Amino acid sequence: MMTSFAFIFGLFPLVIATGAGALSRRAVGTPVFGGMIAAALVGIFVIPMLYVTFQWLRERSGRRAPRAKAPAGTD
């Protein structure tokens, strides 16, 4: 999350750019800024929610995760 926030804050000057060439910088910075915010929010909220939901569904169905077999020759 630290790298995501550093990237977002690094793009912020492109979003609020003024002066010569600001239009082209803003055109590049705004979608990247918004996309990175969306990706960070998905990583913080949606992925853990999906994990909990699928875990709950698996427990409700009574199925267990497959267990890995021990290597041959170990007891």
N, C-alpha and C. Protein backbone atom coordinates (compact mmCIF):
# COMPACT_ATOMS: atom_id res chain seq x y z
N MET A 1 0.82 -1.18 0.00
CA MET A 1 0.00 0.00 0.00
C MET A 1 0.87 1.26 0.00
N MET A 2 2.04 1.15 0.61
CA MET A 2 2.91 2.32 0.63
C MET A 2 3.34 2.71 -0.78
N THR A 3 3.65 1.74 -1.61
CA THR A 3 4.05 2.06 -2.97
C THR A 3 2.88 2.62 -3.78
N SER A 4 1.69 2.09 -3.53
CA SER A 4 0.51 2.62 -4.22
C SER A 4 0.28 4.08 -3.85
N PHE A 5 0.33 4.38 -2.55
CA PHE A 5 0.11 5.75 -2.13
C PHE A 5 1.23 6.68 -2.59
N ALA A 6 2.45 6.20 -2.62
CA ALA A 6 3.55 7.01 -3.13
C ALA A 6 3.34 7.31 -4.62
N PHE A 7 2.88 6.33 -5.37
CA PHE A 7 2.60 6.52 -6.79
C PHE A 7 1.47 7.52 -6.99
N ILE A 8 0.41 7.39 -6.19
CA ILE A 8 -0.73 8.30 -6.28
C ILE A 8 -0.30 9.73 -5.96
N PHE A 9 0.43 9.92 -4.88
CA PHE A 9 0.87 11.26 -4.50
C PHE A 9 1.89 11.81 -5.50
N GLY A 10 2.65 10.95 -6.13
CA GLY A 10 3.58 11.39 -7.16
C GLY A 10 2.88 11.86 -8.42
N LEU A 11 1.70 11.29 -8.70
CA LEU A 11 0.92 11.71 -9.87
C LEU A 11 0.09 12.96 -9.62
N PHE A 12 -0.10 13.30 -8.38
CA PHE A 12 -0.97 14.43 -8.05
C PHE A 12 -0.54 15.73 -8.74
N PRO A 13 0.75 16.06 -8.83
CA PRO A 13 1.13 17.28 -9.56
C PRO A 13 0.72 17.27 -11.04
N LEU A 14 0.66 16.09 -11.65
CA LEU A 14 0.20 16.02 -13.03
C LEU A 14 -1.29 16.34 -13.14
N VAL A 15 -2.05 15.96 -12.14
CA VAL A 15 -3.50 16.19 -12.16
C VAL A 15 -3.81 17.68 -11.97
N ILE A 16 -3.06 18.36 -11.15
CA ILE A 16 -3.33 19.77 -10.87
C ILE A 16 -2.41 20.70 -11.65
N ALA A 17 -1.78 20.20 -12.70
CA ALA A 17 -0.80 20.98 -13.47
C ALA A 17 -1.44 22.22 -14.08
N THR A 18 -0.68 23.30 -14.09
CA THR A 18 -1.06 24.54 -14.76
C THR A 18 0.15 25.01 -15.56
N GLY A 19 -0.09 25.92 -16.48
CA GLY A 19 1.01 26.47 -17.25
C GLY A 19 1.19 25.77 -18.58
N ALA A 20 2.39 25.97 -19.15
CA ALA A 20 2.69 25.44 -20.48
C ALA A 20 2.69 23.91 -20.47
N GLY A 21 1.96 23.33 -21.38
CA GLY A 21 1.91 21.87 -21.50
C GLY A 21 1.03 21.19 -20.46
N ALA A 22 0.26 21.97 -19.70
CA ALA A 22 -0.55 21.38 -18.63
C ALA A 22 -1.65 20.48 -19.17
N LEU A 23 -2.19 20.84 -20.32
CA LEU A 23 -3.29 20.05 -20.88
C LEU A 23 -2.84 18.63 -21.20
N SER A 24 -1.68 18.48 -21.78
CA SER A 24 -1.20 17.13 -22.11
C SER A 24 -0.80 16.37 -20.86
N ARG A 25 -0.21 17.06 -19.89
CA ARG A 25 0.14 16.37 -18.63
C ARG A 25 -1.09 15.93 -17.88
N ARG A 26 -2.10 16.79 -17.84
CA ARG A 26 -3.34 16.45 -17.14
C ARG A 26 -4.05 15.30 -17.84
N ALA A 27 -3.99 15.28 -19.17
CA ALA A 27 -4.64 14.20 -19.93
C ALA A 27 -4.00 12.85 -19.64
N VAL A 28 -2.72 12.84 -19.34
CA VAL A 28 -2.03 11.59 -19.00
C VAL A 28 -2.20 11.28 -17.51
N GLY A 29 -2.08 12.27 -16.67
CA GLY A 29 -2.07 12.04 -15.23
C GLY A 29 -3.41 11.65 -14.64
N THR A 30 -4.50 12.25 -15.14
CA THR A 30 -5.81 12.01 -14.54
C THR A 30 -6.27 10.56 -14.65
N PRO A 31 -6.23 9.91 -15.81
CA PRO A 31 -6.66 8.51 -15.86
C PRO A 31 -5.76 7.57 -15.05
N VAL A 32 -4.47 7.84 -15.06
CA VAL A 32 -3.55 6.99 -14.30
C VAL A 32 -3.80 7.18 -12.80
N PHE A 33 -4.02 8.42 -12.39
CA PHE A 33 -4.32 8.74 -11.00
C PHE A 33 -5.61 8.02 -10.55
N GLY A 34 -6.66 8.14 -11.34
CA GLY A 34 -7.92 7.49 -11.01
C GLY A 34 -7.82 5.97 -11.02
N GLY A 35 -7.11 5.44 -11.97
CA GLY A 35 -6.94 3.99 -12.04
C GLY A 35 -6.16 3.44 -10.87
N MET A 36 -5.16 4.17 -10.44
CA MET A 36 -4.38 3.71 -9.30
C MET A 36 -5.18 3.78 -8.00
N ILE A 37 -6.00 4.81 -7.86
CA ILE A 37 -6.89 4.89 -6.70
C ILE A 37 -7.87 3.72 -6.71
N ALA A 38 -8.45 3.44 -7.88
CA ALA A 38 -9.39 2.32 -7.99
C ALA A 38 -8.70 0.99 -7.66
N ALA A 39 -7.49 0.79 -8.17
CA ALA A 39 -6.77 -0.45 -7.89
C ALA A 39 -6.42 -0.58 -6.41
N ALA A 40 -6.07 0.53 -5.77
CA ALA A 40 -5.77 0.48 -4.34
C ALA A 40 -7.01 0.14 -3.54
N LEU A 41 -8.16 0.71 -3.90
CA LEU A 41 -9.40 0.41 -3.20
C LEU A 41 -9.82 -1.04 -3.40
N VAL A 42 -9.62 -1.56 -4.60
CA VAL A 42 -9.92 -2.98 -4.84
C VAL A 42 -9.03 -3.85 -3.97
N GLY A 43 -7.76 -3.51 -3.88
CA GLY A 43 -6.84 -4.29 -3.06
C GLY A 43 -7.14 -4.22 -1.58
N ILE A 44 -7.67 -3.09 -1.12
CA ILE A 44 -7.96 -2.93 0.31
C ILE A 44 -9.28 -3.56 0.70
N PHE A 45 -10.31 -3.37 -0.14
CA PHE A 45 -11.66 -3.77 0.27
C PHE A 45 -12.22 -4.98 -0.48
N VAL A 46 -12.12 -5.01 -1.78
CA VAL A 46 -12.81 -6.04 -2.56
C VAL A 46 -12.15 -7.41 -2.43
N ILE A 47 -10.85 -7.48 -2.54
CA ILE A 47 -10.16 -8.77 -2.47
C ILE A 47 -10.37 -9.45 -1.12
N PRO A 48 -10.19 -8.76 0.01
CA PRO A 48 -10.47 -9.44 1.29
C PRO A 48 -11.94 -9.85 1.44
N MET A 49 -12.87 -9.03 0.91
CA MET A 49 -14.28 -9.38 0.99
C MET A 49 -14.57 -10.64 0.17
N LEU A 50 -13.97 -10.75 -1.00
CA LEU A 50 -14.15 -11.96 -1.80
C LEU A 50 -13.56 -13.18 -1.12
N TYR A 51 -12.41 -13.03 -0.49
CA TYR A 51 -11.79 -14.14 0.23
C TYR A 51 -12.72 -14.64 1.34
N VAL A 52 -13.24 -13.71 2.13
CA VAL A 52 -14.14 -14.10 3.24
C VAL A 52 -15.40 -14.75 2.69
N THR A 53 -15.95 -14.22 1.61
CA THR A 53 -17.17 -14.78 1.02
C THR A 53 -16.93 -16.20 0.51
N PHE A 54 -15.85 -16.42 -0.22
CA PHE A 54 -15.56 -17.77 -0.72
C PHE A 54 -15.24 -18.74 0.41
N GLN A 55 -14.57 -18.27 1.44
CA GLN A 55 -14.29 -19.12 2.60
C GLN A 55 -15.60 -19.53 3.28
N TRP A 56 -16.50 -18.58 3.43
CA TRP A 56 -17.80 -18.88 4.04
C TRP A 56 -18.59 -19.87 3.19
N LEU A 57 -18.57 -19.69 1.87
CA LEU A 57 -19.28 -20.62 0.99
C LEU A 57 -18.68 -22.02 1.06
N ARG A 58 -17.35 -22.11 1.13
CA ARG A 58 -16.70 -23.41 1.21
C ARG A 58 -17.05 -24.10 2.53
N GLU A 59 -17.05 -23.36 3.62
CA GLU A 59 -17.40 -23.96 4.90
C GLU A 59 -18.87 -24.36 4.94
N ARG A 60 -19.71 -23.58 4.30
CA ARG A 60 -21.14 -23.88 4.29
C ARG A 60 -21.44 -25.13 3.47
N SER A 61 -20.68 -25.34 2.41
CA SER A 61 -20.91 -26.51 1.57
C SER A 61 -20.34 -27.78 2.18
N GLY A 62 -19.51 -27.65 3.19
CA GLY A 62 -18.95 -28.81 3.85
C GLY A 62 -17.71 -29.36 3.20
N ARG A 63 -17.23 -28.73 2.17
CA ARG A 63 -16.01 -29.19 1.49
C ARG A 63 -14.79 -28.62 2.18
N ARG A 64 -13.76 -29.41 2.20
CA ARG A 64 -12.49 -28.96 2.76
C ARG A 64 -11.46 -28.81 1.66
N ALA A 65 -10.48 -27.99 1.92
CA ALA A 65 -9.40 -27.81 0.95
C ALA A 65 -8.59 -29.09 0.86
N PRO A 66 -8.12 -29.46 -0.32
CA PRO A 66 -7.31 -30.67 -0.43
C PRO A 66 -5.99 -30.51 0.31
N ARG A 67 -5.57 -31.60 0.96
CA ARG A 67 -4.32 -31.57 1.72
C ARG A 67 -3.19 -32.10 0.85
N ALA A 68 -2.03 -31.51 1.03
CA ALA A 68 -0.86 -31.94 0.27
C ALA A 68 -0.34 -33.26 0.86
N LYS A 69 0.10 -34.15 -0.01
CA LYS A 69 0.64 -35.42 0.44
C LYS A 69 2.08 -35.22 0.90
N ALA A 70 2.49 -35.99 1.90
CA ALA A 70 3.86 -35.93 2.38
C ALA A 70 4.77 -36.62 1.36
N PRO A 71 5.99 -36.14 1.21
CA PRO A 71 6.92 -36.79 0.29
C PRO A 71 7.19 -38.24 0.70
N ALA A 72 7.49 -39.09 -0.25
CA ALA A 72 7.76 -40.51 0.02
C ALA A 72 9.00 -40.65 0.91
N GLY A 73 8.92 -41.55 1.85
CA GLY A 73 10.06 -41.81 2.72
C GLY A 73 10.07 -41.01 4.00
N THR A 74 9.09 -40.14 4.20
CA THR A 74 9.02 -39.38 5.46
C THR A 74 7.86 -39.90 6.27
N ASP A 75 8.05 -39.99 7.55
CA ASP A 75 6.96 -40.47 8.43
C ASP A 75 6.62 -39.46 9.45
